[in-house]
Amino acid sequence: MHRSLRFVQHRPWARPAGPWVMAQNWEDLLFAHWPVPVDVMRLVVPRELEVDTFEGRAWMGMVPFRMSGVRLCGMPALPGLSAFPELNVRTYVTAGGKPGVWFFSLDAANRLAVAVARSWFQLPYFYARMETEAHGHEIVYRSRRTDRRGLGERFEAAYQPAGECFHAQPGRLEYFLAERYCLYAQRRDGAILRSEIHHAPWELQNARARIEVNTMAESLGVQLFGEPLLHFAKLQEVVVWTPECCEPERPKGKPLKRKPRVAESHGRRSCSE
């Protein structure tokens, strides 16, 4: 049994019955979040998903960290392939009553990880040149997207924890932002996929950060104003299940229209078939 599965009572719903397929560790992680008007976020999130809000506001997060210990169930982590920096740009959505994460992009300094995540989990991964350095408690992080599918997006920051560890409590903003137990993606034929994940409750700390460069949201047309809300986590151990089709949210008062198949779907069937 994976160590994270010793703690399941905190989950908002039961963990999947089947076996997990991948384990990974997230280290020296920064949550940097900005509030975004719901009508702005609605324009960049698939209509099949409901934008999740806290006290009437949507949130966009930039999350730099170091990935380590990446392995398939029953296999060891492979040197050179299981550890690399990663940076994701995300917001929060719901489908079928399950709140989760929607990724606008995920940058990684590992070409194989990018290819596998794109094909298996249908997540918008990009290859990037990335560097991380630790100077005492401070993490210096630099990322420049070099993937031909990108626009050279950059992120440069230095961050560190500031304060004691705590567990976010239900009903608080920190809980809304961090305690998520599934990821959403969209196939090219329009079908919505859900990947269940599991981890112990986040051990968070308040954080300090100097964000020198951040162009990660420019291609979305979303402007981020003011200072972000910052949290740090030293380590989170995670397991992930295979993505499955899920029923999307129906816009109120309107029948749901599915996108037609496209040639790139390679004959895959939609969720309703």
Protein backbone atom coordinates (compact mmCIF):
# COMPACT_ATOMS: atom_id res chain seq x y z
CA MET A 1 0.00 0.00 0.00
CA HIS A 2 1.25 3.48 -0.84
CA ARG A 3 1.97 5.52 2.28
CA SER A 4 -0.55 8.22 1.38
CA LEU A 5 -3.39 5.66 1.48
CA ARG A 6 -3.00 5.25 5.23
CA PHE A 7 -4.95 8.51 5.53
CA VAL A 8 -8.33 8.46 3.79
CA GLN A 9 -10.81 9.83 6.35
CA HIS A 10 -10.25 13.41 5.16
CA ARG A 11 -11.35 12.72 1.59
CA PRO A 12 -14.55 14.44 0.38
CA TRP A 13 -15.58 11.18 -1.33
CA ALA A 14 -14.39 7.57 -1.22
CA ARG A 15 -11.16 6.76 -3.01
CA PRO A 16 -11.49 4.72 -6.21
CA ALA A 17 -11.88 0.99 -5.78
CA GLY A 18 -9.37 0.07 -8.48
CA PRO A 19 -5.58 0.23 -8.26
CA TRP A 20 -3.72 3.48 -8.71
CA VAL A 21 -1.41 3.63 -11.72
CA MET A 22 1.21 6.24 -10.86
CA ALA A 23 2.93 7.64 -7.78
CA GLN A 24 4.81 10.93 -7.54
CA ASN A 25 6.15 13.33 -4.95
CA TRP A 26 5.77 17.11 -5.09
CA GLU A 27 8.60 18.93 -3.31
CA ASP A 28 9.30 22.57 -2.38
CA LEU A 29 5.98 23.66 -3.81
CA LEU A 30 4.65 27.20 -3.99
CA PHE A 31 0.96 28.01 -4.37
CA ALA A 32 0.65 31.53 -5.80
CA HIS A 33 -3.02 32.46 -6.34
CA TRP A 34 -4.76 35.50 -7.78
CA PRO A 35 -8.53 36.18 -7.72
CA VAL A 36 -10.11 36.42 -11.17
CA PRO A 37 -13.66 37.58 -12.04
CA VAL A 38 -15.90 34.62 -12.78
CA ASP A 39 -17.01 36.02 -16.15
CA VAL A 40 -13.36 36.26 -17.22
CA MET A 41 -12.60 32.71 -16.10
CA ARG A 42 -15.73 31.42 -17.80
CA LEU A 43 -14.27 32.46 -21.17
CA VAL A 44 -11.20 30.23 -20.82
CA VAL A 45 -12.70 27.12 -19.16
CA PRO A 46 -14.58 24.53 -21.26
CA ARG A 47 -18.33 25.08 -21.08
CA GLU A 48 -18.79 21.45 -20.03
CA LEU A 49 -17.20 22.31 -16.67
CA GLU A 50 -18.56 24.60 -13.97
CA VAL A 51 -16.14 27.24 -12.69
CA ASP A 52 -15.69 26.65 -8.96
CA THR A 53 -15.71 29.79 -6.82
CA PHE A 54 -15.03 30.87 -3.26
CA GLU A 55 -17.18 33.72 -2.00
CA GLY A 56 -18.05 34.67 -5.56
CA ARG A 57 -14.54 34.73 -6.99
CA ALA A 58 -12.64 32.36 -9.24
CA TRP A 59 -8.93 31.82 -8.69
CA MET A 60 -5.91 31.26 -10.92
CA GLY A 61 -2.84 29.56 -9.52
CA MET A 62 0.81 29.33 -10.53
CA VAL A 63 2.39 26.30 -8.87
CA PRO A 64 6.15 25.71 -9.26
CA PHE A 65 7.67 22.65 -7.59
CA ARG A 66 10.05 19.74 -8.04
CA MET A 67 8.65 16.40 -9.10
CA SER A 68 10.40 13.31 -7.72
CA GLY A 69 9.79 9.61 -7.25
CA VAL A 70 7.66 9.30 -10.37
CA ARG A 71 6.89 5.64 -10.95
CA LEU A 72 4.23 3.26 -12.17
CA CYS A 73 2.44 1.03 -9.70
CA GLY A 74 4.60 -1.97 -8.85
CA MET A 75 7.74 -0.50 -10.43
CA PRO A 76 10.67 1.47 -9.02
CA ALA A 77 11.45 5.05 -9.91
CA LEU A 78 13.93 5.21 -12.78
CA PRO A 79 17.02 7.41 -12.37
CA GLY A 80 17.06 10.30 -14.81
CA LEU A 81 13.35 9.98 -15.61
CA SER A 82 11.63 10.30 -12.24
CA ALA A 83 12.75 13.73 -11.00
CA PHE A 84 12.42 17.12 -12.71
CA PRO A 85 11.03 20.62 -12.14
CA GLU A 86 7.40 21.30 -13.03
CA LEU A 87 5.22 24.41 -13.18
CA ASN A 88 1.47 24.40 -13.62
CA VAL A 89 -1.11 27.09 -14.31
CA ARG A 90 -4.51 26.12 -12.98
CA THR A 91 -7.99 27.02 -11.83
CA TYR A 92 -10.77 25.15 -10.05
CA VAL A 93 -13.84 23.50 -11.55
CA THR A 94 -16.54 20.97 -10.76
CA ALA A 95 -18.22 18.21 -12.75
CA GLY A 96 -20.65 15.60 -11.49
CA GLY A 97 -20.45 17.09 -8.00
CA LYS A 98 -16.69 16.54 -7.70
CA PRO A 99 -14.55 19.68 -7.31
CA GLY A 100 -11.16 19.40 -8.98
CA VAL A 101 -8.37 21.13 -10.86
CA TRP A 102 -8.37 22.36 -14.45
CA PHE A 103 -4.91 22.92 -15.91
CA PHE A 104 -4.34 25.59 -18.52
CA SER A 105 -0.76 24.39 -18.90
CA LEU A 106 1.89 22.25 -17.25
CA ASP A 107 5.57 22.85 -18.01
CA ALA A 108 8.14 20.15 -17.27
CA ALA A 109 11.87 19.76 -17.88
CA ASN A 110 11.46 16.17 -19.06
CA ARG A 111 10.49 15.41 -22.66
CA LEU A 112 9.34 11.86 -21.91
CA ALA A 113 7.07 13.04 -19.09
CA VAL A 114 5.57 15.65 -21.42
CA ALA A 115 4.84 13.05 -24.11
CA VAL A 116 3.37 10.47 -21.71
CA ALA A 117 1.16 12.96 -19.87
CA ARG A 118 -0.18 14.38 -23.12
CA SER A 119 -1.06 10.97 -24.59
CA TRP A 120 -2.23 9.15 -21.45
CA PHE A 121 -3.81 11.87 -19.32
CA GLN A 122 -4.63 14.34 -22.13
CA LEU A 123 -3.06 17.15 -20.11
CA PRO A 124 -1.56 20.22 -21.84
CA TYR A 125 2.08 19.60 -20.96
CA PHE A 126 4.91 21.59 -22.55
CA TYR A 127 8.65 21.10 -22.49
CA ALA A 128 10.58 23.92 -20.82
CA ARG A 129 14.12 24.72 -19.79
CA MET A 130 13.94 24.93 -16.00
CA GLU A 131 16.34 25.50 -13.14
CA THR A 132 15.86 25.28 -9.39
CA GLU A 133 18.34 26.20 -6.69
CA ALA A 134 18.06 26.05 -2.92
CA HIS A 135 19.78 28.73 -0.84
CA GLY A 136 18.99 27.81 2.71
CA HIS A 137 15.19 27.88 2.94
CA GLU A 138 14.82 29.94 -0.23
CA ILE A 139 14.03 28.28 -3.57
CA VAL A 140 15.11 30.08 -6.74
CA TYR A 141 13.04 28.95 -9.71
CA ARG A 142 13.42 29.75 -13.43
CA SER A 143 11.39 28.39 -16.32
CA ARG A 144 11.27 29.22 -20.04
CA ARG A 145 8.96 27.26 -22.34
CA THR A 146 10.87 26.04 -25.40
CA ASP A 147 8.22 23.65 -26.70
CA ARG A 148 7.25 24.53 -30.30
CA ARG A 149 3.60 24.50 -29.22
CA GLY A 150 4.22 27.36 -26.80
CA LEU A 151 5.04 31.05 -27.02
CA GLY A 152 8.18 31.17 -24.91
CA GLU A 153 6.28 31.69 -21.63
CA ARG A 154 8.54 32.50 -18.68
CA PHE A 155 8.38 32.35 -14.91
CA GLU A 156 11.11 33.43 -12.52
CA ALA A 157 10.71 33.64 -8.77
CA ALA A 158 12.37 33.16 -5.41
CA TYR A 159 10.22 31.87 -2.55
CA GLN A 160 10.42 30.39 0.93
CA PRO A 161 8.18 29.32 3.80
CA ALA A 162 7.22 31.88 6.42
CA GLY A 163 5.58 30.44 9.51
CA GLU A 164 4.50 27.20 11.12
CA CYS A 165 2.88 24.27 9.33
CA PHE A 166 -0.90 24.00 9.43
CA HIS A 167 -3.71 21.96 7.92
CA ALA A 168 -6.34 23.92 6.01
CA GLN A 169 -9.81 23.66 7.52
CA PRO A 170 -13.02 23.07 5.53
CA GLY A 171 -14.75 26.31 4.70
CA ARG A 172 -11.49 28.29 4.53
CA LEU A 173 -9.97 29.63 1.32
CA GLU A 174 -6.78 27.60 1.81
CA TYR A 175 -8.85 24.41 1.88
CA PHE A 176 -10.72 25.42 -1.29
CA LEU A 177 -7.44 26.01 -3.14
CA ALA A 178 -5.39 23.04 -1.97
CA GLU A 179 -7.60 20.12 -1.00
CA ARG A 180 -8.50 18.80 -4.43
CA TYR A 181 -8.81 15.11 -5.20
CA CYS A 182 -9.27 14.95 -8.96
CA LEU A 183 -7.93 16.53 -12.15
CA TYR A 184 -9.94 17.35 -15.27
CA ALA A 185 -8.85 17.32 -18.89
CA GLN A 186 -10.56 17.46 -22.27
CA ARG A 187 -9.96 15.11 -25.16
CA ARG A 188 -9.75 16.44 -28.69
CA ASP A 189 -13.24 15.11 -29.40
CA GLY A 190 -14.57 17.25 -26.54
CA ALA A 191 -15.05 14.47 -23.97
CA ILE A 192 -14.25 15.45 -20.39
CA LEU A 193 -11.86 13.18 -18.49
CA ARG A 194 -11.44 12.91 -14.74
CA SER A 195 -8.32 11.51 -13.08
CA GLU A 196 -8.79 10.74 -9.42
CA ILE A 197 -5.84 11.47 -7.14
CA HIS A 198 -5.09 10.93 -3.47
CA HIS A 199 -2.79 12.49 -0.91
CA ALA A 200 -2.70 13.15 2.80
CA PRO A 201 -4.04 16.52 4.00
CA TRP A 202 -1.73 19.29 2.87
CA GLU A 203 0.81 20.53 5.40
CA LEU A 204 0.90 24.19 4.40
CA GLN A 205 2.92 27.17 5.51
CA ASN A 206 2.47 30.81 4.67
CA ALA A 207 5.12 31.96 2.21
CA ARG A 208 7.11 34.91 0.92
CA ALA A 209 7.98 35.29 -2.75
CA ARG A 210 9.59 37.64 -5.23
CA ILE A 211 8.07 36.96 -8.64
CA GLU A 212 10.40 38.69 -11.10
CA VAL A 213 8.92 37.42 -14.38
CA ASN A 214 5.53 35.86 -15.05
CA THR A 215 4.10 35.61 -18.57
CA MET A 216 2.35 32.27 -18.01
CA ALA A 217 -1.21 33.61 -18.33
CA GLU A 218 -0.68 36.07 -21.18
CA SER A 219 -1.71 33.66 -23.93
CA LEU A 220 -5.03 33.14 -22.12
CA GLY A 221 -5.79 36.85 -22.15
CA VAL A 222 -6.21 36.81 -18.37
CA GLN A 223 -4.66 39.68 -16.43
CA LEU A 224 -3.51 39.08 -12.87
CA PHE A 225 -3.64 42.10 -10.56
CA GLY A 226 -2.09 42.75 -7.18
CA GLU A 227 -0.06 40.56 -4.90
CA PRO A 228 -0.83 36.84 -4.92
CA LEU A 229 -1.92 34.75 -1.97
CA LEU A 230 1.11 32.57 -1.12
CA HIS A 231 1.49 29.16 0.52
CA PHE A 232 4.38 26.71 0.66
CA ALA A 233 4.49 22.93 1.06
CA LYS A 234 7.70 21.00 1.64
CA LEU A 235 6.43 17.63 0.44
CA GLN A 236 3.26 15.97 -0.78
CA GLU A 237 3.11 12.28 -1.74
CA VAL A 238 0.49 11.53 -4.39
CA VAL A 239 -1.05 8.60 -6.24
CA VAL A 240 -3.03 8.93 -9.45
CA TRP A 241 -5.63 6.74 -11.12
CA THR A 242 -6.27 6.23 -14.83
CA PRO A 243 -8.41 8.99 -16.38
CA GLU A 244 -12.03 8.10 -17.07
CA CYS A 245 -14.84 9.82 -18.93
CA CYS A 246 -17.23 11.76 -16.76
CA GLU A 247 -20.57 13.43 -17.31
CA PRO A 248 -20.07 17.17 -17.85
CA GLU A 249 -22.15 19.86 -16.20
CA ARG A 250 -25.15 20.94 -18.29
CA PRO A 251 -25.51 24.70 -18.72
CA LYS A 252 -28.73 25.75 -17.03
CA GLY A 253 -31.69 25.83 -19.36
CA LYS A 254 -29.74 24.55 -22.36
CA PRO A 255 -29.37 21.05 -23.82
CA LEU A 256 -25.80 19.79 -23.88
CA LYS A 257 -24.22 19.70 -27.33
CA ARG A 258 -21.20 17.49 -27.77
CA LYS A 259 -18.41 18.47 -30.11
CA PRO A 260 -18.17 16.36 -33.27
CA ARG A 261 -15.33 13.92 -33.59
CA VAL A 262 -12.20 15.11 -35.30
CA ALA A 263 -9.58 13.19 -37.23
CA GLU A 264 -7.05 13.48 -34.39
CA SER A 265 -9.21 11.37 -32.07
CA HIS A 266 -7.81 8.23 -33.81
CA GLY A 267 -11.10 6.39 -33.59
CA ARG A 268 -11.60 6.76 -29.84
CA ARG A 269 -15.22 6.66 -28.78
CA SER A 270 -16.87 9.45 -26.86
CA CYS A 271 -18.04 9.01 -23.28
CA SER A 272 -21.66 8.57 -24.27
CA GLU A 273 -21.00 5.72 -26.65
